C-alpha atoms as a PDB file:
ATOM      1  CA  MET A   1      85.468 -40.429  -0.273  1.00  0.00           C
ATOM      2  CA  ARG A   2      83.489 -40.185   2.928  1.00  0.00           C
ATOM      3  CA  TRP A   3      80.631 -42.685   2.797  1.00  0.00           C
ATOM      4  CA  PRO A   4      77.375 -41.405   4.403  1.00  0.00           C
ATOM      5  CA  SER A   5      75.934 -43.616   7.119  1.00  0.00           C
ATOM      6  CA  PHE A   6      72.753 -45.573   6.485  1.00  0.00           C
ATOM      7  CA  ALA A   7      71.080 -43.662   9.336  1.00  0.00           C
ATOM      8  CA  ILE A   8      71.669 -40.397   7.478  1.00  0.00           C
ATOM      9  CA  LEU A   9      70.500 -41.881   4.190  1.00  0.00           C
ATOM     10  CA  GLY A  10      67.205 -42.900   5.732  1.00  0.00           C
ATOM     11  CA  LEU A  11      66.391 -39.285   6.584  1.00  0.00           C
ATOM     12  CA  LEU A  12      67.306 -37.659   3.295  1.00  0.00           C
ATOM     13  CA  LEU A  13      63.995 -37.839   1.475  1.00  0.00           C
ATOM     14  CA  ALA A  14      60.355 -38.278   2.429  1.00  0.00           C
ATOM     15  CA  PRO A  15      60.080 -40.269   5.657  1.00  0.00           C
ATOM     16  CA  THR A  16      57.167 -42.434   4.531  1.00  0.00           C
ATOM     17  CA  ALA A  17      57.500 -45.638   2.526  1.00  0.00           C
ATOM     18  CA  ALA A  18      57.308 -45.415  -1.246  1.00  0.00           C
ATOM     19  CA  GLU A  19      54.245 -46.815  -2.952  1.00  0.00           C
ATOM     20  CA  ALA A  20      54.804 -50.303  -4.317  1.00  0.00           C
ATOM     21  CA  GLN A  21      56.226 -50.357  -7.826  1.00  0.00           C
ATOM     22  CA  ALA A  22      57.066 -54.057  -8.127  1.00  0.00           C
ATOM     23  CA  LEU A  23      53.679 -55.723  -8.442  1.00  0.00           C
ATOM     24  CA  ALA A  24      53.658 -59.369  -7.365  1.00  0.00           C
ATOM     25  CA  CYS A  25      57.411 -59.726  -7.848  1.00  0.00           C
ATOM     26  CA  GLN A  26      58.372 -63.375  -7.468  1.00  0.00           C
ATOM     27  CA  ILE A  27      62.063 -64.181  -7.295  1.00  0.00           C
ATOM     28  CA  PRO A  28      62.859 -67.568  -8.871  1.00  0.00           C
ATOM     29  CA  ASP A  29      64.694 -70.272  -6.976  1.00  0.00           C
ATOM     30  CA  ARG A  30      67.652 -69.849  -9.293  1.00  0.00           C
ATOM     31  CA  ILE A  31      69.064 -66.487 -10.368  1.00  0.00           C
ATOM     32  CA  PRO A  32      71.369 -66.539 -13.407  1.00  0.00           C
ATOM     33  CA  VAL A  33      74.970 -65.774 -12.550  1.00  0.00           C
ATOM     34  CA  PRO A  34      75.816 -62.528 -14.358  1.00  0.00           C
ATOM     35  CA  ARG A  35      78.920 -62.223 -16.462  1.00  0.00           C
ATOM     36  CA  VAL A  36      81.796 -60.009 -15.400  1.00  0.00           C
ATOM     37  CA  GLU A  37      81.382 -56.468 -16.730  1.00  0.00           C
ATOM     38  CA  GLN A  38      84.360 -54.500 -18.038  1.00  0.00           C
ATOM     39  CA  PRO A  39      84.692 -51.194 -19.903  1.00  0.00           C
ATOM     40  CA  ARG A  40      83.930 -51.421 -23.589  1.00  0.00           C
ATOM     41  CA  ARG A  41      86.683 -50.530 -26.042  1.00  0.00           C
ATOM     42  CA  GLY A  42      87.280 -46.801 -25.886  1.00  0.00           C
ATOM     43  CA  GLU A  43      85.373 -46.388 -22.621  1.00  0.00           C
ATOM     44  CA  PRO A  44      87.888 -44.939 -20.144  1.00  0.00           C
ATOM     45  CA  VAL A  45      88.358 -45.402 -16.434  1.00  0.00           C
ATOM     46  CA  ARG A  46      87.568 -42.041 -14.824  1.00  0.00           C
ATOM     47  CA  LYS A  47      88.136 -41.033 -11.216  1.00  0.00           C
ATOM     48  CA  PRO A  48      87.256 -37.351 -10.817  1.00  0.00           C
ATOM     49  CA  GLU A  49      86.206 -36.118  -7.405  1.00  0.00           C
ATOM     50  CA  THR A  50      82.578 -36.958  -6.651  1.00  0.00           C
ATOM     51  CA  ALA A  51      80.482 -33.796  -6.315  1.00  0.00           C
ATOM     52  CA  GLY A  52      77.023 -35.380  -6.135  1.00  0.00           C
ATOM     53  CA  TYR A  53      74.873 -38.270  -7.280  1.00  0.00           C
ATOM     54  CA  LEU A  54      72.006 -39.173  -9.597  1.00  0.00           C
ATOM     55  CA  LEU A  55      69.270 -41.592  -8.577  1.00  0.00           C
ATOM     56  CA  SER A  56      68.123 -42.878 -11.964  1.00  0.00           C
ATOM     57  CA  MET A  57      64.688 -44.530 -12.123  1.00  0.00           C
ATOM     58  CA  SER A  58      63.416 -46.284 -15.224  1.00  0.00           C
ATOM     59  CA  TRP A  59      59.769 -46.610 -16.322  1.00  0.00           C
ATOM     60  CA  SER A  60      59.578 -50.348 -16.884  1.00  0.00           C
ATOM     61  CA  PRO A  61      56.640 -50.423 -19.367  1.00  0.00           C
ATOM     62  CA  GLN A  62      58.699 -48.297 -21.769  1.00  0.00           C
ATOM     63  CA  HIS A  63      61.838 -50.368 -21.345  1.00  0.00           C
ATOM     64  CA  CYS A  64      59.961 -53.580 -22.059  1.00  0.00           C
ATOM     65  CA  THR A  65      58.343 -52.070 -25.154  1.00  0.00           C
ATOM     66  CA  ASP A  66      61.753 -51.097 -26.490  1.00  0.00           C
ATOM     67  CA  VAL A  67      63.567 -54.417 -25.992  1.00  0.00           C
ATOM     68  CA  ARG A  68      63.869 -56.679 -29.010  1.00  0.00           C
ATOM     69  CA  ASN A  69      62.968 -59.869 -27.157  1.00  0.00           C
ATOM     70  CA  PRO A  70      61.264 -59.578 -23.741  1.00  0.00           C
ATOM     71  CA  LYS A  71      61.981 -63.243 -23.037  1.00  0.00           C
ATOM     72  CA  ASP A  72      65.736 -63.251 -23.622  1.00  0.00           C
ATOM     73  CA  ALA A  73      68.062 -63.899 -20.687  1.00  0.00           C
ATOM     74  CA  ARG A  74      68.687 -60.220 -19.877  1.00  0.00           C
ATOM     75  CA  ASN A  75      65.049 -59.065 -19.945  1.00  0.00           C
ATOM     76  CA  ARG A  76      63.006 -62.151 -19.085  1.00  0.00           C
ATOM     77  CA  PHE A  77      62.567 -61.460 -15.379  1.00  0.00           C
ATOM     78  CA  GLN A  78      61.452 -57.864 -15.919  1.00  0.00           C
ATOM     79  CA  CYS A  79      59.496 -58.095 -19.155  1.00  0.00           C
ATOM     80  CA  SER A  80      58.055 -61.580 -19.678  1.00  0.00           C
ATOM     81  CA  GLY A  81      55.299 -61.222 -17.079  1.00  0.00           C
ATOM     82  CA  GLU A  82      56.281 -64.545 -15.542  1.00  0.00           C
ATOM     83  CA  ASN A  83      57.678 -63.042 -12.329  1.00  0.00           C
ATOM     84  CA  GLY A  84      55.372 -60.071 -11.798  1.00  0.00           C
ATOM     85  CA  ARG A  85      54.697 -56.646 -13.252  1.00  0.00           C
ATOM     86  CA  PHE A  86      56.891 -53.625 -12.764  1.00  0.00           C
ATOM     87  CA  GLY A  87      56.308 -49.888 -12.804  1.00  0.00           C
ATOM     88  CA  TRP A  88      59.213 -47.709 -11.679  1.00  0.00           C
ATOM     89  CA  VAL A  89      62.429 -49.633 -11.137  1.00  0.00           C
ATOM     90  CA  LEU A  90      65.868 -48.436 -10.140  1.00  0.00           C
ATOM     91  CA  HIS A  91      68.319 -48.132 -13.017  1.00  0.00           C
ATOM     92  CA  GLY A  92      71.120 -47.075 -10.711  1.00  0.00           C
ATOM     93  CA  LEU A  93      72.717 -44.743  -8.205  1.00  0.00           C
ATOM     94  CA  TRP A  94      75.451 -42.863 -10.048  1.00  0.00           C
ATOM     95  CA  PRO A  95      78.295 -40.705  -8.704  1.00  0.00           C
ATOM     96  CA  GLU A  96      78.587 -37.383 -10.528  1.00  0.00           C
ATOM     97  CA  ALA A  97      81.442 -34.926 -11.014  1.00  0.00           C
ATOM     98  CA  ALA A  98      81.121 -31.143 -10.861  1.00  0.00           C
ATOM     99  CA  THR A  99      81.500 -31.022 -14.666  1.00  0.00           C
ATOM    100  CA  PRO A 100      80.608 -33.515 -17.442  1.00  0.00           C
ATOM    101  CA  GLY A 101      82.683 -36.676 -17.155  1.00  0.00           C
ATOM    102  CA  TYR A 102      81.390 -38.726 -14.232  1.00  0.00           C
ATOM    103  CA  PRO A 103      83.431 -41.334 -12.311  1.00  0.00           C
ATOM    104  CA  GLN A 104      83.240 -44.826 -13.800  1.00  0.00           C
ATOM    105  CA  TRP A 105      84.926 -48.245 -13.688  1.00  0.00           C
ATOM    106  CA  CYS A 106      86.998 -47.165 -10.672  1.00  0.00           C
ATOM    107  CA  ARG A 107      88.185 -50.632  -9.607  1.00  0.00           C
ATOM    108  CA  PRO A 108      87.919 -54.220 -10.895  1.00  0.00           C
ATOM    109  CA  ALA A 109      84.557 -55.732  -9.984  1.00  0.00           C
ATOM    110  CA  LYS A 110      83.960 -59.346  -9.020  1.00  0.00           C
ATOM    111  CA  ILE A 111      80.590 -61.029  -9.518  1.00  0.00           C
ATOM    112  CA  VAL A 112      77.948 -59.635  -7.161  1.00  0.00           C
ATOM    113  CA  PRO A 113      77.157 -62.362  -4.581  1.00  0.00           C
ATOM    114  CA  GLN A 114      73.915 -64.265  -5.059  1.00  0.00           C
ATOM    115  CA  PRO A 115      72.381 -63.093  -1.736  1.00  0.00           C
ATOM    116  CA  VAL A 116      72.900 -59.469  -2.786  1.00  0.00           C
ATOM    117  CA  LEU A 117      71.366 -60.091  -6.218  1.00  0.00           C
ATOM    118  CA  ARG A 118      68.386 -61.851  -4.635  1.00  0.00           C
ATOM    119  CA  LYS A 119      67.816 -59.047  -2.126  1.00  0.00           C
ATOM    120  CA  HIS A 120      67.647 -56.333  -4.796  1.00  0.00           C
ATOM    121  CA  LEU A 121      66.183 -58.104  -7.829  1.00  0.00           C
ATOM    122  CA  CYS A 122      62.680 -56.686  -7.309  1.00  0.00           C
ATOM    123  CA  MET A 123      64.189 -53.183  -7.195  1.00  0.00           C
ATOM    124  CA  THR A 124      66.403 -53.617 -10.272  1.00  0.00           C
ATOM    125  CA  PRO A 125      64.900 -56.621 -12.090  1.00  0.00           C
ATOM    126  CA  SER A 126      67.958 -57.849 -13.983  1.00  0.00           C
ATOM    127  CA  ALA A 127      70.910 -59.663 -12.470  1.00  0.00           C
ATOM    128  CA  GLN A 128      73.091 -58.468 -15.325  1.00  0.00           C
ATOM    129  CA  LEU A 129      72.040 -54.848 -14.841  1.00  0.00           C
ATOM    130  CA  LEU A 130      72.836 -55.121 -11.127  1.00  0.00           C
ATOM    131  CA  GLN A 131      76.280 -56.431 -12.059  1.00  0.00           C
ATOM    132  CA  HIS A 132      76.746 -53.613 -14.565  1.00  0.00           C
ATOM    133  CA  GLU A 133      75.720 -50.914 -12.102  1.00  0.00           C
ATOM    134  CA  TRP A 134      78.108 -52.279  -9.504  1.00  0.00           C
ATOM    135  CA  ALA A 135      81.027 -52.510 -11.940  1.00  0.00           C
ATOM    136  CA  LYS A 136      80.582 -49.151 -13.669  1.00  0.00           C
ATOM    137  CA  HIS A 137      79.229 -46.947 -10.868  1.00  0.00           C
ATOM    138  CA  GLY A 138      79.249 -48.719  -7.519  1.00  0.00           C
ATOM    139  CA  THR A 139      82.983 -49.396  -7.521  1.00  0.00           C
ATOM    140  CA  CYS A 140      83.500 -45.613  -7.509  1.00  0.00           C
ATOM    141  CA  MET A 141      81.477 -45.291  -4.298  1.00  0.00           C
ATOM    142  CA  SER A 142      82.238 -48.285  -2.084  1.00  0.00           C
ATOM    143  CA  PRO A 143      84.462 -51.391  -1.980  1.00  0.00           C
ATOM    144  CA  ASN A 144      81.419 -53.432  -0.944  1.00  0.00           C
ATOM    145  CA  PRO A 145      78.533 -54.232  -3.345  1.00  0.00           C
ATOM    146  CA  ALA A 146      76.130 -54.940  -0.472  1.00  0.00           C
ATOM    147  CA  ALA A 147      76.741 -51.447   0.965  1.00  0.00           C
ATOM    148  CA  TYR A 148      76.337 -49.797  -2.436  1.00  0.00           C
ATOM    149  CA  PHE A 149      73.023 -51.477  -3.204  1.00  0.00           C
ATOM    150  CA  ARG A 150      71.755 -50.938   0.340  1.00  0.00           C
ATOM    151  CA  SER A 151      72.321 -47.191  -0.055  1.00  0.00           C
ATOM    152  CA  ALA A 152      70.589 -47.230  -3.434  1.00  0.00           C
ATOM    153  CA  GLU A 153      67.662 -49.151  -1.952  1.00  0.00           C
ATOM    154  CA  ILE A 154      67.176 -46.694   0.919  1.00  0.00           C
ATOM    155  CA  LEU A 155      67.070 -43.764  -1.471  1.00  0.00           C
ATOM    156  CA  PHE A 156      64.805 -45.505  -3.986  1.00  0.00           C
ATOM    157  CA  ARG A 157      62.322 -46.593  -1.339  1.00  0.00           C
ATOM    158  CA  ALA A 158      62.086 -43.026  -0.051  1.00  0.00           C
ATOM    159  CA  VAL A 159      60.822 -41.736  -3.401  1.00  0.00           C
ATOM    160  CA  ARG A 160      57.081 -41.412  -3.955  1.00  0.00           C
ATOM    161  CA  PHE A 161      55.679 -41.791  -7.445  1.00  0.00           C
ATOM    162  CA  PRO A 162      52.784 -39.913  -9.053  1.00  0.00           C
ATOM    163  CA  ASP A 163      49.688 -41.515 -10.548  1.00  0.00           C
ATOM    164  CA  MET A 164      51.193 -42.888 -13.735  1.00  0.00           C
ATOM    165  CA  LYS A 165      47.831 -44.054 -15.078  1.00  0.00           C
ATOM    166  CA  ALA A 166      46.629 -40.437 -15.000  1.00  0.00           C
ATOM    167  CA  LEU A 167      49.832 -39.177 -16.608  1.00  0.00           C
ATOM    168  CA  ALA A 168      49.551 -41.766 -19.382  1.00  0.00           C
ATOM    169  CA  ALA A 169      45.951 -40.796 -20.114  1.00  0.00           C
ATOM    170  CA  LYS A 170      46.812 -37.461 -21.750  1.00  0.00           C
ATOM    171  CA  PRO A 171      49.788 -35.705 -23.366  1.00  0.00           C
ATOM    172  CA  GLN A 172      52.448 -34.412 -20.987  1.00  0.00           C
ATOM    173  CA  THR A 173      55.548 -32.262 -21.132  1.00  0.00           C
ATOM    174  CA  ALA A 174      58.846 -32.741 -19.350  1.00  0.00           C
ATOM    175  CA  GLY A 175      57.768 -29.864 -17.114  1.00  0.00           C
ATOM    176  CA  SER A 176      54.476 -31.541 -16.153  1.00  0.00           C
ATOM    177  CA  ILE A 177      56.371 -34.751 -15.323  1.00  0.00           C
ATOM    178  CA  ARG A 178      58.691 -32.762 -13.054  1.00  0.00           C
ATOM    179  CA  ARG A 179      55.725 -31.068 -11.388  1.00  0.00           C
ATOM    180  CA  ALA A 180      54.001 -34.411 -10.820  1.00  0.00           C
ATOM    181  CA  PHE A 181      57.047 -35.838  -9.046  1.00  0.00           C
ATOM    182  CA  ALA A 182      57.728 -32.675  -7.032  1.00  0.00           C
ATOM    183  CA  ARG A 183      54.103 -32.555  -5.890  1.00  0.00           C
ATOM    184  CA  VAL A 184      54.283 -35.954  -4.153  1.00  0.00           C
ATOM    185  CA  ASN A 185      57.827 -35.688  -2.765  1.00  0.00           C
ATOM    186  CA  PRO A 186      58.137 -33.170   0.094  1.00  0.00           C
ATOM    187  CA  GLY A 187      61.411 -31.278  -0.032  1.00  0.00           C
ATOM    188  CA  VAL A 188      61.965 -31.969  -3.737  1.00  0.00           C
ATOM    189  CA  SER A 189      61.398 -29.144  -6.227  1.00  0.00           C
ATOM    190  CA  GLU A 190      61.126 -29.278 -10.012  1.00  0.00           C
ATOM    191  CA  PRO A 191      64.714 -28.098 -10.702  1.00  0.00           C
ATOM    192  CA  MET A 192      65.961 -31.143  -8.733  1.00  0.00           C
ATOM    193  CA  ILE A 193      64.354 -33.568 -11.189  1.00  0.00           C
ATOM    194  CA  ALA A 194      65.773 -34.640 -14.572  1.00  0.00           C
ATOM    195  CA  VAL A 195      63.576 -36.183 -17.267  1.00  0.00           C
ATOM    196  CA  ALA A 196      64.916 -38.498 -19.978  1.00  0.00           C
ATOM    197  CA  ILE A 197      62.863 -39.372 -23.062  1.00  0.00           C
ATOM    198  CA  ASP A 198      63.588 -41.520 -26.105  1.00  0.00           C
ATOM    199  CA  ARG A 199      63.775 -40.333 -29.712  1.00  0.00           C
ATOM    200  CA  GLN A 200      60.041 -40.787 -30.196  1.00  0.00           C
ATOM    201  CA  GLY A 201      59.220 -38.677 -27.144  1.00  0.00           C
ATOM    202  CA  TRP A 202      58.278 -41.501 -24.766  1.00  0.00           C
ATOM    203  CA  LEU A 203      59.152 -41.153 -21.083  1.00  0.00           C
ATOM    204  CA  ASP A 204      62.184 -43.313 -20.381  1.00  0.00           C
ATOM    205  CA  GLU A 205      63.627 -42.270 -17.012  1.00  0.00           C
ATOM    206  CA  VAL A 206      63.277 -39.777 -14.190  1.00  0.00           C
ATOM    207  CA  ARG A 207      66.423 -38.889 -12.241  1.00  0.00           C
ATOM    208  CA  LEU A 208      66.738 -37.210  -8.893  1.00  0.00           C
ATOM    209  CA  CYS A 209      69.783 -34.954  -8.510  1.00  0.00           C
ATOM    210  CA  LEU A 210      71.551 -35.334  -5.170  1.00  0.00           C
ATOM    211  CA  GLY A 211      74.343 -33.403  -3.490  1.00  0.00           C
ATOM    212  CA  PRO A 212      77.541 -34.783  -1.948  1.00  0.00           C
ATOM    213  CA  ARG A 213      75.641 -35.910   1.193  1.00  0.00           C
ATOM    214  CA  MET A 214      72.906 -37.417  -0.979  1.00  0.00           C
ATOM    215  CA  ARG A 215      70.364 -34.702  -0.250  1.00  0.00           C
ATOM    216  CA  PRO A 216      68.207 -33.524  -3.174  1.00  0.00           C
ATOM    217  CA  GLN A 217      69.706 -30.510  -4.928  1.00  0.00           C
ATOM    218  CA  ARG A 218      69.181 -28.496  -8.100  1.00  0.00           C
ATOM    219  CA  CYS A 219      70.333 -30.372 -11.202  1.00  0.00           C
ATOM    220  CA  LYS A 220      73.321 -29.014 -13.061  1.00  0.00           C
ATOM    221  CA  PRO A 221      72.664 -27.893 -16.665  1.00  0.00           C
ATOM    222  CA  PHE A 222      74.265 -31.039 -18.121  1.00  0.00           C
ATOM    223  CA  GLN A 223      72.022 -33.282 -15.982  1.00  0.00           C
ATOM    224  CA  THR A 224      68.539 -31.906 -16.645  1.00  0.00           C
ATOM    225  CA  GLY A 225      67.611 -33.852 -19.783  1.00  0.00           C
ATOM    226  CA  ALA A 226      64.475 -32.757 -21.655  1.00  0.00           C
ATOM    227  CA  ARG A 227      63.452 -29.109 -21.393  1.00  0.00           C
ATOM    228  CA  ASP A 228      60.191 -28.231 -19.670  1.00  0.00           C
ATOM    229  CA  ASN A 229      58.285 -27.523 -22.891  1.00  0.00           C
ATOM    230  CA  ARG A 230      59.283 -30.782 -24.604  1.00  0.00           C
ATOM    231  CA  PRO A 231      56.197 -32.969 -25.304  1.00  0.00           C
ATOM    232  CA  VAL A 232      56.300 -36.342 -23.534  1.00  0.00           C
ATOM    233  CA  ARG A 233      54.174 -39.449 -23.954  1.00  0.00           C
ATOM    234  CA  VAL A 234      53.852 -41.947 -21.094  1.00  0.00           C
ATOM    235  CA  ARG A 235      53.486 -45.656 -21.851  1.00  0.00           C
ATOM    236  CA  PRO A 236      50.672 -47.105 -19.718  1.00  0.00           C
ATOM    237  CA  MET A 237      51.108 -50.282 -17.720  1.00  0.00           C
ATOM    238  CA  SER A 238      49.430 -53.222 -19.415  1.00  0.00           C
ATOM    239  CA  GLY A 239      46.407 -54.633 -17.686  1.00  0.00           C
ATOM    240  CA  ARG A 240      45.607 -51.466 -15.728  1.00  0.00           C
END
């Protein structure tokens, strides 16, 4: 595939810097070396033509509420409170096909180098998740993990986030979440935003649908997630 230049990526979304979402993020001297990630049994390698992308952003307070042990190796950095507090974090930048069945596990993935992990740990606060995103999604977009995460970082930093404290203060719907994001992101409309909630109706992720040149575009029906009228609860950040 043709890989868009970083110069183009920097102009795709709002030109101003995103508001800080990693609060007092402190990277430790030592970052655990992630394990190699491979497809689980029954999970196929898929290489359909890439027709667009999803920028998937996770609401960290909800993730950390859901994990069984916030101090285990996978979640300690993000959820223990020892290395900072996190709001919106990047789950991943995912290639998408024109129909359900996205590209995945396109080539064998070596361990992401420590300098790359260190550079992006405040954006995606889990070394193992960074490794997973590279192995499952990034290998379908670039042969170079540094280039993949750099592209993801440029896009993530261009996104502006609404006042989550205000959204958490009263009941929402998936439609009101979309409106809140569209309102603060020039050039992004509600149909370009997907909302993912958990089984109890808590906001889990917001995803921005992107076209083949990584410009925001209308989400396809299989990407949209919760319908506009679906009630949504937003977990507040602790200590705010």
